[in-house]
Amino acid sequence: MTKKTTDIVAYITLIGLIIALVAGDRENSKFHINQALVIWLAGIIFGIVAVIPYVGAIIAAIGSILCFVCWILGLVGAIQGTEKPVPLLGKIKLLK
């Protein structure tokens, strides 16, 4: 896959992220693969936080909206070919 295709596929479902990691242009697409991974992990964490009574549901709702907005911004950046970090989650680096 080309860099742009790998960037876009990384944001489309968790399976797309795994495909981007395994079969994509990993070296050139590392930025968008990392961004997508951080957004997915944040979504999972907010899902776990939702189990906490009362407060957890509120935090999870706000976090889910944040993850959705970051996902849209990341996908648009991948489509445009830019490497602009998403708000709040963009500074986290999981891949070296």
PDB file of N, CA and C in Angstrom:
ATOM      1  N   MET A   1       0.832  -1.187   0.000  1.00  0.00           N
ATOM      2  CA  MET A   1       0.000   0.000   0.000  1.00  0.00           C
ATOM      3  C   MET A   1       0.876   1.250   0.000  1.00  0.00           C
ATOM      4  N   THR A   2       0.357   2.296  -0.570  1.00  0.00           N
ATOM      5  CA  THR A   2       1.083   3.559  -0.565  1.00  0.00           C
ATOM      6  C   THR A   2       0.937   4.228   0.799  1.00  0.00           C
ATOM      7  N   LYS A   3       1.701   5.291   1.005  1.00  0.00           N
ATOM      8  CA  LYS A   3       1.660   6.000   2.282  1.00  0.00           C
ATOM      9  C   LYS A   3       0.271   6.556   2.554  1.00  0.00           C
ATOM     10  N   LYS A   4      -0.335   7.206   1.569  1.00  0.00           N
ATOM     11  CA  LYS A   4      -1.639   7.830   1.767  1.00  0.00           C
ATOM     12  C   LYS A   4      -2.708   6.767   2.056  1.00  0.00           C
ATOM     13  N   THR A   5      -2.671   5.660   1.350  1.00  0.00           N
ATOM     14  CA  THR A   5      -3.628   4.586   1.586  1.00  0.00           C
ATOM     15  C   THR A   5      -3.464   4.011   2.984  1.00  0.00           C
ATOM     16  N   THR A   6      -2.222   3.803   3.388  1.00  0.00           N
ATOM     17  CA  THR A   6      -1.947   3.286   4.727  1.00  0.00           C
ATOM     18  C   THR A   6      -2.441   4.260   5.789  1.00  0.00           C
ATOM     19  N   ASP A   7      -2.224   5.555   5.574  1.00  0.00           N
ATOM     20  CA  ASP A   7      -2.689   6.574   6.522  1.00  0.00           C
ATOM     21  C   ASP A   7      -4.201   6.511   6.702  1.00  0.00           C
ATOM     22  N   ILE A   8      -4.928   6.412   5.605  1.00  0.00           N
ATOM     23  CA  ILE A   8      -6.395   6.402   5.654  1.00  0.00           C
ATOM     24  C   ILE A   8      -6.910   5.108   6.275  1.00  0.00           C
ATOM     25  N   VAL A   9      -6.347   3.971   5.866  1.00  0.00           N
ATOM     26  CA  VAL A   9      -6.797   2.671   6.370  1.00  0.00           C
ATOM     27  C   VAL A   9      -6.587   2.568   7.879  1.00  0.00           C
ATOM     28  N   ALA A  10      -5.556   3.204   8.406  1.00  0.00           N
ATOM     29  CA  ALA A  10      -5.268   3.146   9.840  1.00  0.00           C
ATOM     30  C   ALA A  10      -6.421   3.697  10.681  1.00  0.00           C
ATOM     31  N   TYR A  11      -7.159   4.653  10.148  1.00  0.00           N
ATOM     32  CA  TYR A  11      -8.256   5.265  10.902  1.00  0.00           C
ATOM     33  C   TYR A  11      -9.575   4.518  10.762  1.00  0.00           C
ATOM     34  N   ILE A  12      -9.672   3.642   9.770  1.00  0.00           N
ATOM     35  CA  ILE A  12     -10.947   2.972   9.499  1.00  0.00           C
ATOM     36  C   ILE A  12     -10.970   1.623  10.199  1.00  0.00           C
ATOM     37  N   THR A  13     -11.673   1.515  11.254  1.00  0.00           N
ATOM     38  CA  THR A  13     -11.871   0.358  12.128  1.00  0.00           C
ATOM     39  C   THR A  13     -10.560  -0.149  12.736  1.00  0.00           C
ATOM     40  N   LEU A  14     -10.697  -0.943  13.748  1.00  0.00           N
ATOM     41  CA  LEU A  14      -9.537  -1.524  14.418  1.00  0.00           C
ATOM     42  C   LEU A  14      -8.824  -2.518  13.501  1.00  0.00           C
ATOM     43  N   ILE A  15      -9.581  -3.212  12.676  1.00  0.00           N
ATOM     44  CA  ILE A  15      -8.974  -4.137  11.709  1.00  0.00           C
ATOM     45  C   ILE A  15      -8.135  -3.361  10.696  1.00  0.00           C
ATOM     46  N   GLY A  16      -8.601  -2.185  10.290  1.00  0.00           N
ATOM     47  CA  GLY A  16      -7.822  -1.336   9.385  1.00  0.00           C
ATOM     48  C   GLY A  16      -6.509  -0.913  10.018  1.00  0.00           C
ATOM     49  N   LEU A  17      -6.524  -0.627  11.305  1.00  0.00           N
ATOM     50  CA  LEU A  17      -5.297  -0.265  12.015  1.00  0.00           C
ATOM     51  C   LEU A  17      -4.317  -1.435  12.018  1.00  0.00           C
ATOM     52  N   ILE A  18      -4.828  -2.640  12.249  1.00  0.00           N
ATOM     53  CA  ILE A  18      -3.966  -3.827  12.239  1.00  0.00           C
ATOM     54  C   ILE A  18      -3.405  -4.065  10.840  1.00  0.00           C
ATOM     55  N   ILE A  19      -4.223  -3.888   9.814  1.00  0.00           N
ATOM     56  CA  ILE A  19      -3.750  -4.041   8.433  1.00  0.00           C
ATOM     57  C   ILE A  19      -2.672  -3.011   8.130  1.00  0.00           C
ATOM     58  N   ALA A  20      -2.865  -1.771   8.568  1.00  0.00           N
ATOM     59  CA  ALA A  20      -1.866  -0.726   8.347  1.00  0.00           C
ATOM     60  C   ALA A  20      -0.556  -1.068   9.037  1.00  0.00           C
ATOM     61  N   LEU A  21      -0.637  -1.647  10.235  1.00  0.00           N
ATOM     62  CA  LEU A  21       0.575  -2.038  10.964  1.00  0.00           C
ATOM     63  C   LEU A  21       1.309  -3.183  10.278  1.00  0.00           C
ATOM     64  N   VAL A  22       0.561  -4.149   9.742  1.00  0.00           N
ATOM     65  CA  VAL A  22       1.163  -5.353   9.190  1.00  0.00           C
ATOM     66  C   VAL A  22       1.537  -5.201   7.718  1.00  0.00           C
ATOM     67  N   ALA A  23       0.610  -4.709   6.902  1.00  0.00           N
ATOM     68  CA  ALA A  23       0.818  -4.725   5.456  1.00  0.00           C
ATOM     69  C   ALA A  23       1.096  -3.355   4.850  1.00  0.00           C
ATOM     70  N   GLY A  24       0.967  -2.306   5.618  1.00  0.00           N
ATOM     71  CA  GLY A  24       1.108  -0.967   5.061  1.00  0.00           C
ATOM     72  C   GLY A  24       2.541  -0.462   5.039  1.00  0.00           C
ATOM     73  N   ASP A  25       2.689   0.749   4.562  1.00  0.00           N
ATOM     74  CA  ASP A  25       3.983   1.436   4.517  1.00  0.00           C
ATOM     75  C   ASP A  25       4.240   1.997   5.911  1.00  0.00           C
ATOM     76  N   ARG A  26       4.676   1.130   6.819  1.00  0.00           N
ATOM     77  CA  ARG A  26       4.762   1.476   8.242  1.00  0.00           C
ATOM     78  C   ARG A  26       5.754   2.594   8.522  1.00  0.00           C
ATOM     79  N   GLU A  27       6.898   2.586   7.901  1.00  0.00           N
ATOM     80  CA  GLU A  27       7.923   3.599   8.183  1.00  0.00           C
ATOM     81  C   GLU A  27       7.459   4.999   7.824  1.00  0.00           C
ATOM     82  N   ASN A  28       6.843   5.158   6.665  1.00  0.00           N
ATOM     83  CA  ASN A  28       6.417   6.493   6.233  1.00  0.00           C
ATOM     84  C   ASN A  28       5.088   6.916   6.857  1.00  0.00           C
ATOM     85  N   SER A  29       4.297   5.967   7.319  1.00  0.00           N
ATOM     86  CA  SER A  29       2.976   6.271   7.875  1.00  0.00           C
ATOM     87  C   SER A  29       2.942   6.184   9.392  1.00  0.00           C
ATOM     88  N   LYS A  30       4.081   6.171  10.011  1.00  0.00           N
ATOM     89  CA  LYS A  30       4.165   5.985  11.460  1.00  0.00           C
ATOM     90  C   LYS A  30       3.352   7.033  12.222  1.00  0.00           C
ATOM     91  N   PHE A  31       3.336   8.263  11.751  1.00  0.00           N
ATOM     92  CA  PHE A  31       2.610   9.329  12.443  1.00  0.00           C
ATOM     93  C   PHE A  31       1.125   9.008  12.537  1.00  0.00           C
ATOM     94  N   HIS A  32       0.490   8.689  11.412  1.00  0.00           N
ATOM     95  CA  HIS A  32      -0.955   8.443  11.412  1.00  0.00           C
ATOM     96  C   HIS A  32      -1.312   7.110  12.073  1.00  0.00           C
ATOM     97  N   ILE A  33      -0.452   6.111  11.955  1.00  0.00           N
ATOM     98  CA  ILE A  33      -0.700   4.847  12.647  1.00  0.00           C
ATOM     99  C   ILE A  33      -0.674   5.078  14.155  1.00  0.00           C
ATOM    100  N   ASN A  34       0.282   5.863  14.626  1.00  0.00           N
ATOM    101  CA  ASN A  34       0.362   6.190  16.056  1.00  0.00           C
ATOM    102  C   ASN A  34      -0.870   6.964  16.508  1.00  0.00           C
ATOM    103  N   GLN A  35      -1.289   7.945  15.723  1.00  0.00           N
ATOM    104  CA  GLN A  35      -2.465   8.740  16.082  1.00  0.00           C
ATOM    105  C   GLN A  35      -3.709   7.857  16.183  1.00  0.00           C
ATOM    106  N   ALA A  36      -3.896   6.991  15.209  1.00  0.00           N
ATOM    107  CA  ALA A  36      -5.068   6.108  15.214  1.00  0.00           C
ATOM    108  C   ALA A  36      -5.024   5.156  16.413  1.00  0.00           C
ATOM    109  N   LEU A  37      -3.852   4.633  16.727  1.00  0.00           N
ATOM    110  CA  LEU A  37      -3.696   3.735  17.862  1.00  0.00           C
ATOM    111  C   LEU A  37      -4.033   4.439  19.179  1.00  0.00           C
ATOM    112  N   VAL A  38      -3.565   5.653  19.348  1.00  0.00           N
ATOM    113  CA  VAL A  38      -3.848   6.427  20.572  1.00  0.00           C
ATOM    114  C   VAL A  38      -5.347   6.719  20.681  1.00  0.00           C
ATOM    115  N   ILE A  39      -5.991   7.058  19.583  1.00  0.00           N
ATOM    116  CA  ILE A  39      -7.429   7.346  19.604  1.00  0.00           C
ATOM    117  C   ILE A  39      -8.215   6.083  19.969  1.00  0.00           C
ATOM    118  N   TRP A  40      -7.849   4.939  19.380  1.00  0.00           N
ATOM    119  CA  TRP A  40      -8.538   3.683  19.713  1.00  0.00           C
ATOM    120  C   TRP A  40      -8.346   3.309  21.178  1.00  0.00           C
ATOM    121  N   LEU A  41      -7.132   3.439  21.678  1.00  0.00           N
ATOM    122  CA  LEU A  41      -6.871   3.096  23.082  1.00  0.00           C
ATOM    123  C   LEU A  41      -7.614   4.039  24.036  1.00  0.00           C
ATOM    124  N   ALA A  42      -7.682   5.315  23.696  1.00  0.00           N
ATOM    125  CA  ALA A  42      -8.430   6.263  24.523  1.00  0.00           C
ATOM    126  C   ALA A  42      -9.913   5.894  24.545  1.00  0.00           C
ATOM    127  N   GLY A  43     -10.447   5.481  23.406  1.00  0.00           N
ATOM    128  CA  GLY A  43     -11.841   5.052  23.346  1.00  0.00           C
ATOM    129  C   GLY A  43     -12.102   3.840  24.223  1.00  0.00           C
ATOM    130  N   ILE A  44     -11.162   2.893  24.228  1.00  0.00           N
ATOM    131  CA  ILE A  44     -11.295   1.706  25.068  1.00  0.00           C
ATOM    132  C   ILE A  44     -11.247   2.093  26.554  1.00  0.00           C
ATOM    133  N   ILE A  45     -10.335   2.994  26.896  1.00  0.00           N
ATOM    134  CA  ILE A  45     -10.229   3.443  28.290  1.00  0.00           C
ATOM    135  C   ILE A  45     -11.512   4.150  28.739  1.00  0.00           C
ATOM    136  N   PHE A  46     -12.070   4.993  27.878  1.00  0.00           N
ATOM    137  CA  PHE A  46     -13.320   5.665  28.237  1.00  0.00           C
ATOM    138  C   PHE A  46     -14.468   4.664  28.353  1.00  0.00           C
ATOM    139  N   GLY A  47     -14.436   3.606  27.571  1.00  0.00           N
ATOM    140  CA  GLY A  47     -15.437   2.552  27.701  1.00  0.00           C
ATOM    141  C   GLY A  47     -15.339   1.845  29.036  1.00  0.00           C
ATOM    142  N   ILE A  48     -14.131   1.639  29.512  1.00  0.00           N
ATOM    143  CA  ILE A  48     -13.929   1.010  30.819  1.00  0.00           C
ATOM    144  C   ILE A  48     -14.364   1.951  31.939  1.00  0.00           C
ATOM    145  N   VAL A  49     -14.071   3.238  31.787  1.00  0.00           N
ATOM    146  CA  VAL A  49     -14.459   4.232  32.795  1.00  0.00           C
ATOM    147  C   VAL A  49     -15.982   4.326  32.911  1.00  0.00           C
ATOM    148  N   ALA A  50     -16.695   3.994  31.846  1.00  0.00           N
ATOM    149  CA  ALA A  50     -18.159   4.082  31.861  1.00  0.00           C
ATOM    150  C   ALA A  50     -18.791   3.158  32.892  1.00  0.00           C
ATOM    151  N   VAL A  51     -18.045   2.167  33.366  1.00  0.00           N
ATOM    152  CA  VAL A  51     -18.562   1.224  34.353  1.00  0.00           C
ATOM    153  C   VAL A  51     -18.746   1.885  35.721  1.00  0.00           C
ATOM    154  N   ILE A  52     -17.996   2.927  36.001  1.00  0.00           N
ATOM    155  CA  ILE A  52     -18.100   3.629  37.286  1.00  0.00           C
ATOM    156  C   ILE A  52     -19.492   4.276  37.379  1.00  0.00           C
ATOM    157  N   PRO A  53     -20.204   4.035  38.466  1.00  0.00           N
ATOM    158  CA  PRO A  53     -21.559   4.605  38.587  1.00  0.00           C
ATOM    159  C   PRO A  53     -21.562   6.137  38.561  1.00  0.00           C
ATOM    160  N   TYR A  54     -22.573   6.687  37.923  1.00  0.00           N
ATOM    161  CA  TYR A  54     -22.854   8.117  37.839  1.00  0.00           C
ATOM    162  C   TYR A  54     -21.767   8.908  37.121  1.00  0.00           C
ATOM    163  N   VAL A  55     -20.655   9.143  37.770  1.00  0.00           N
ATOM    164  CA  VAL A  55     -19.597   9.989  37.205  1.00  0.00           C
ATOM    165  C   VAL A  55     -18.965   9.344  35.971  1.00  0.00           C
ATOM    166  N   GLY A  56     -18.836   8.039  35.986  1.00  0.00           N
ATOM    167  CA  GLY A  56     -18.205   7.331  34.877  1.00  0.00           C
ATOM    168  C   GLY A  56     -18.936   7.528  33.566  1.00  0.00           C
ATOM    169  N   ALA A  57     -20.255   7.548  33.629  1.00  0.00           N
ATOM    170  CA  ALA A  57     -21.040   7.742  32.412  1.00  0.00           C
ATOM    171  C   ALA A  57     -20.816   9.126  31.821  1.00  0.00           C
ATOM    172  N   ILE A  58     -20.709  10.122  32.679  1.00  0.00           N
ATOM    173  CA  ILE A  58     -20.482  11.496  32.210  1.00  0.00           C
ATOM    174  C   ILE A  58     -19.090  11.620  31.592  1.00  0.00           C
ATOM    175  N   ILE A  59     -18.087  11.092  32.295  1.00  0.00           N
ATOM    176  CA  ILE A  59     -16.715  11.147  31.787  1.00  0.00           C
ATOM    177  C   ILE A  59     -16.604  10.375  30.472  1.00  0.00           C
ATOM    178  N   ALA A  60     -17.249   9.214  30.413  1.00  0.00           N
ATOM    179  CA  ALA A  60     -17.199   8.396  29.201  1.00  0.00           C
ATOM    180  C   ALA A  60     -17.882   9.102  28.027  1.00  0.00           C
ATOM    181  N   ALA A  61     -18.983   9.780  28.289  1.00  0.00           N
ATOM    182  CA  ALA A  61     -19.678  10.499  27.220  1.00  0.00           C
ATOM    183  C   ALA A  61     -18.812  11.629  26.660  1.00  0.00           C
ATOM    184  N   ILE A  62     -18.217  12.401  27.544  1.00  0.00           N
ATOM    185  CA  ILE A  62     -17.338  13.494  27.101  1.00  0.00           C
ATOM    186  C   ILE A  62     -16.111  12.934  26.383  1.00  0.00           C
ATOM    187  N   GLY A  63     -15.534  11.868  26.929  1.00  0.00           N
ATOM    188  CA  GLY A  63     -14.370  11.242  26.304  1.00  0.00           C
ATOM    189  C   GLY A  63     -14.682  10.649  24.938  1.00  0.00           C
ATOM    190  N   SER A  64     -15.870  10.069  24.799  1.00  0.00           N
ATOM    191  CA  SER A  64     -16.269   9.497  23.517  1.00  0.00           C
ATOM    192  C   SER A  64     -16.423  10.584  22.455  1.00  0.00           C
ATOM    193  N   ILE A  65     -16.975  11.713  22.850  1.00  0.00           N
ATOM    194  CA  ILE A  65     -17.093  12.839  21.921  1.00  0.00           C
ATOM    195  C   ILE A  65     -15.709  13.333  21.522  1.00  0.00           C
ATOM    196  N   LEU A  66     -14.796  13.428  22.496  1.00  0.00           N
ATOM    197  CA  LEU A  66     -13.419  13.834  22.212  1.00  0.00           C
ATOM    198  C   LEU A  66     -12.761  12.859  21.229  1.00  0.00           C
ATOM    199  N   CYS A  67     -12.925  11.573  21.465  1.00  0.00           N
ATOM    200  CA  CYS A  67     -12.327  10.565  20.574  1.00  0.00           C
ATOM    201  C   CYS A  67     -12.907  10.664  19.164  1.00  0.00           C
ATOM    202  N   PHE A  68     -14.215  10.891  19.077  1.00  0.00           N
ATOM    203  CA  PHE A  68     -14.848  11.011  17.762  1.00  0.00           C
ATOM    204  C   PHE A  68     -14.316  12.226  17.001  1.00  0.00           C
ATOM    205  N   VAL A  69     -14.203  13.354  17.689  1.00  0.00           N
ATOM    206  CA  VAL A  69     -13.673  14.569  17.054  1.00  0.00           C
ATOM    207  C   VAL A  69     -12.217  14.354  16.624  1.00  0.00           C
ATOM    208  N   CYS A  70     -11.422  13.720  17.480  1.00  0.00           N
ATOM    209  CA  CYS A  70     -10.022  13.432  17.127  1.00  0.00           C
ATOM    210  C   CYS A  70      -9.943  12.478  15.947  1.00  0.00           C
ATOM    211  N   TRP A  71     -10.836  11.494  15.908  1.00  0.00           N
ATOM    212  CA  TRP A  71     -10.859  10.541  14.797  1.00  0.00           C
ATOM    213  C   TRP A  71     -11.164  11.255  13.482  1.00  0.00           C
ATOM    214  N   ILE A  72     -12.156  12.146  13.495  1.00  0.00           N
ATOM    215  CA  ILE A  72     -12.506  12.908  12.282  1.00  0.00           C
ATOM    216  C   ILE A  72     -11.331  13.780  11.849  1.00  0.00           C
ATOM    217  N   LEU A  73     -10.720  14.498  12.787  1.00  0.00           N
ATOM    218  CA  LEU A  73      -9.593  15.367  12.452  1.00  0.00           C
ATOM    219  C   LEU A  73      -8.407  14.561  11.911  1.00  0.00           C
ATOM    220  N   GLY A  74      -8.141  13.406  12.515  1.00  0.00           N
ATOM    221  CA  GLY A  74      -7.055  12.558  12.037  1.00  0.00           C
ATOM    222  C   GLY A  74      -7.325  12.014  10.652  1.00  0.00           C
ATOM    223  N   LEU A  75      -8.554  11.561  10.401  1.00  0.00           N
ATOM    224  CA  LEU A  75      -8.918  11.038   9.086  1.00  0.00           C
ATOM    225  C   LEU A  75      -8.828  12.118   8.018  1.00  0.00           C
ATOM    226  N   VAL A  76      -9.308  13.305   8.323  1.00  0.00           N
ATOM    227  CA  VAL A  76      -9.212  14.423   7.365  1.00  0.00           C
ATOM    228  C   VAL A  76      -7.746  14.752   7.092  1.00  0.00           C
ATOM    229  N   GLY A  77      -6.916  14.757   8.134  1.00  0.00           N
ATOM    230  CA  GLY A  77      -5.485  15.003   7.941  1.00  0.00           C
ATOM    231  C   GLY A  77      -4.837  13.942   7.081  1.00  0.00           C
ATOM    232  N   ALA A  78      -5.235  12.688   7.262  1.00  0.00           N
ATOM    233  CA  ALA A  78      -4.686  11.597   6.443  1.00  0.00           C
ATOM    234  C   ALA A  78      -5.113  11.741   4.989  1.00  0.00           C
ATOM    235  N   ILE A  79      -6.357  12.128   4.773  1.00  0.00           N
ATOM    236  CA  ILE A  79      -6.848  12.313   3.401  1.00  0.00           C
ATOM    237  C   ILE A  79      -6.122  13.474   2.727  1.00  0.00           C
ATOM    238  N   GLN A  80      -5.875  14.550   3.465  1.00  0.00           N
ATOM    239  CA  GLN A  80      -5.187  15.714   2.904  1.00  0.00           C
ATOM    240  C   GLN A  80      -3.680  15.519   2.812  1.00  0.00           C
ATOM    241  N   GLY A  81      -3.152  14.529   3.498  1.00  0.00           N
ATOM    242  CA  GLY A  81      -1.714  14.267   3.469  1.00  0.00           C
ATOM    243  C   GLY A  81      -0.910  15.116   4.430  1.00  0.00           C
ATOM    244  N   THR A  82      -1.559  15.673   5.454  1.00  0.00           N
ATOM    245  CA  THR A  82      -0.844  16.493   6.437  1.00  0.00           C
ATOM    246  C   THR A  82      -0.583  15.675   7.701  1.00  0.00           C
ATOM    247  N   GLU A  83       0.381  16.092   8.492  1.00  0.00           N
ATOM    248  CA  GLU A  83       0.709  15.415   9.742  1.00  0.00           C
ATOM    249  C   GLU A  83       0.537  16.379  10.915  1.00  0.00           C
ATOM    250  N   LYS A  84      -0.691  16.805  11.121  1.00  0.00           N
ATOM    251  CA  LYS A  84      -1.015  17.713  12.217  1.00  0.00           C
ATOM    252  C   LYS A  84      -1.562  16.885  13.384  1.00  0.00           C
ATOM    253  N   PRO A  85      -0.969  17.003  14.582  1.00  0.00           N
ATOM    254  CA  PRO A  85      -1.451  16.217  15.724  1.00  0.00           C
ATOM    255  C   PRO A  85      -2.875  16.590  16.126  1.00  0.00           C
ATOM    256  N   VAL A  86      -3.637  15.595  16.559  1.00  0.00           N
ATOM    257  CA  VAL A  86      -5.000  15.840  17.009  1.00  0.00           C
ATOM    258  C   VAL A  86      -4.953  16.493  18.393  1.00  0.00           C
ATOM    259  N   PRO A  87      -6.008  17.215  18.785  1.00  0.00           N
ATOM    260  CA  PRO A  87      -6.009  17.888  20.088  1.00  0.00           C
ATOM    261  C   PRO A  87      -5.927  16.892  21.251  1.00  0.00           C
ATOM    262  N   LEU A  88      -5.237  17.265  22.291  1.00  0.00           N
ATOM    263  CA  LEU A  88      -5.074  16.539  23.553  1.00  0.00           C
ATOM    264  C   LEU A  88      -4.372  15.191  23.409  1.00  0.00           C
ATOM    265  N   LEU A  89      -4.732  14.376  22.458  1.00  0.00           N
ATOM    266  CA  LEU A  89      -4.152  13.037  22.320  1.00  0.00           C
ATOM    267  C   LEU A  89      -2.962  13.008  21.365  1.00  0.00           C
ATOM    268  N   GLY A  90      -2.759  14.051  20.610  1.00  0.00           N
ATOM    269  CA  GLY A  90      -1.741  14.062  19.563  1.00  0.00           C
ATOM    270  C   GLY A  90      -0.300  14.036  20.055  1.00  0.00           C
ATOM    271  N   LYS A  91      -0.072  14.433  21.277  1.00  0.00           N
ATOM    272  CA  LYS A  91       1.295  14.471  21.817  1.00  0.00           C
ATOM    273  C   LYS A  91       1.784  13.115  22.303  1.00  0.00           C
ATOM    274  N   ILE A  92       0.877  12.146  22.442  1.00  0.00           N
ATOM    275  CA  ILE A  92       1.239  10.829  22.962  1.00  0.00           C
ATOM    276  C   ILE A  92       1.884   9.987  21.846  1.00  0.00           C
ATOM    277  N   LYS A  93       3.049   9.469  22.111  1.00  0.00           N
ATOM    278  CA  LYS A  93       3.764   8.649  21.129  1.00  0.00           C
ATOM    279  C   LYS A  93       3.877   7.223  21.674  1.00  0.00           C
ATOM    280  N   LEU A  94       3.272   6.268  21.001  1.00  0.00           N
ATOM    281  CA  LEU A  94       3.360   4.870  21.402  1.00  0.00           C
ATOM    282  C   LEU A  94       4.306   4.074  20.512  1.00  0.00           C
ATOM    283  N   LEU A  95       4.431   4.497  19.262  1.00  0.00           N
ATOM    284  CA  LEU A  95       5.333   3.818  18.316  1.00  0.00           C
ATOM    285  C   LEU A  95       6.615   4.607  18.157  1.00  0.00           C
ATOM    286  N   LYS A  96       7.717   3.893  18.158  1.00  0.00           N
ATOM    287  CA  LYS A  96       9.022   4.549  17.984  1.00  0.00           C
ATOM    288  C   LYS A  96       9.386   4.584  16.519  1.00  0.00           C
TER     289      LYS A  96
END
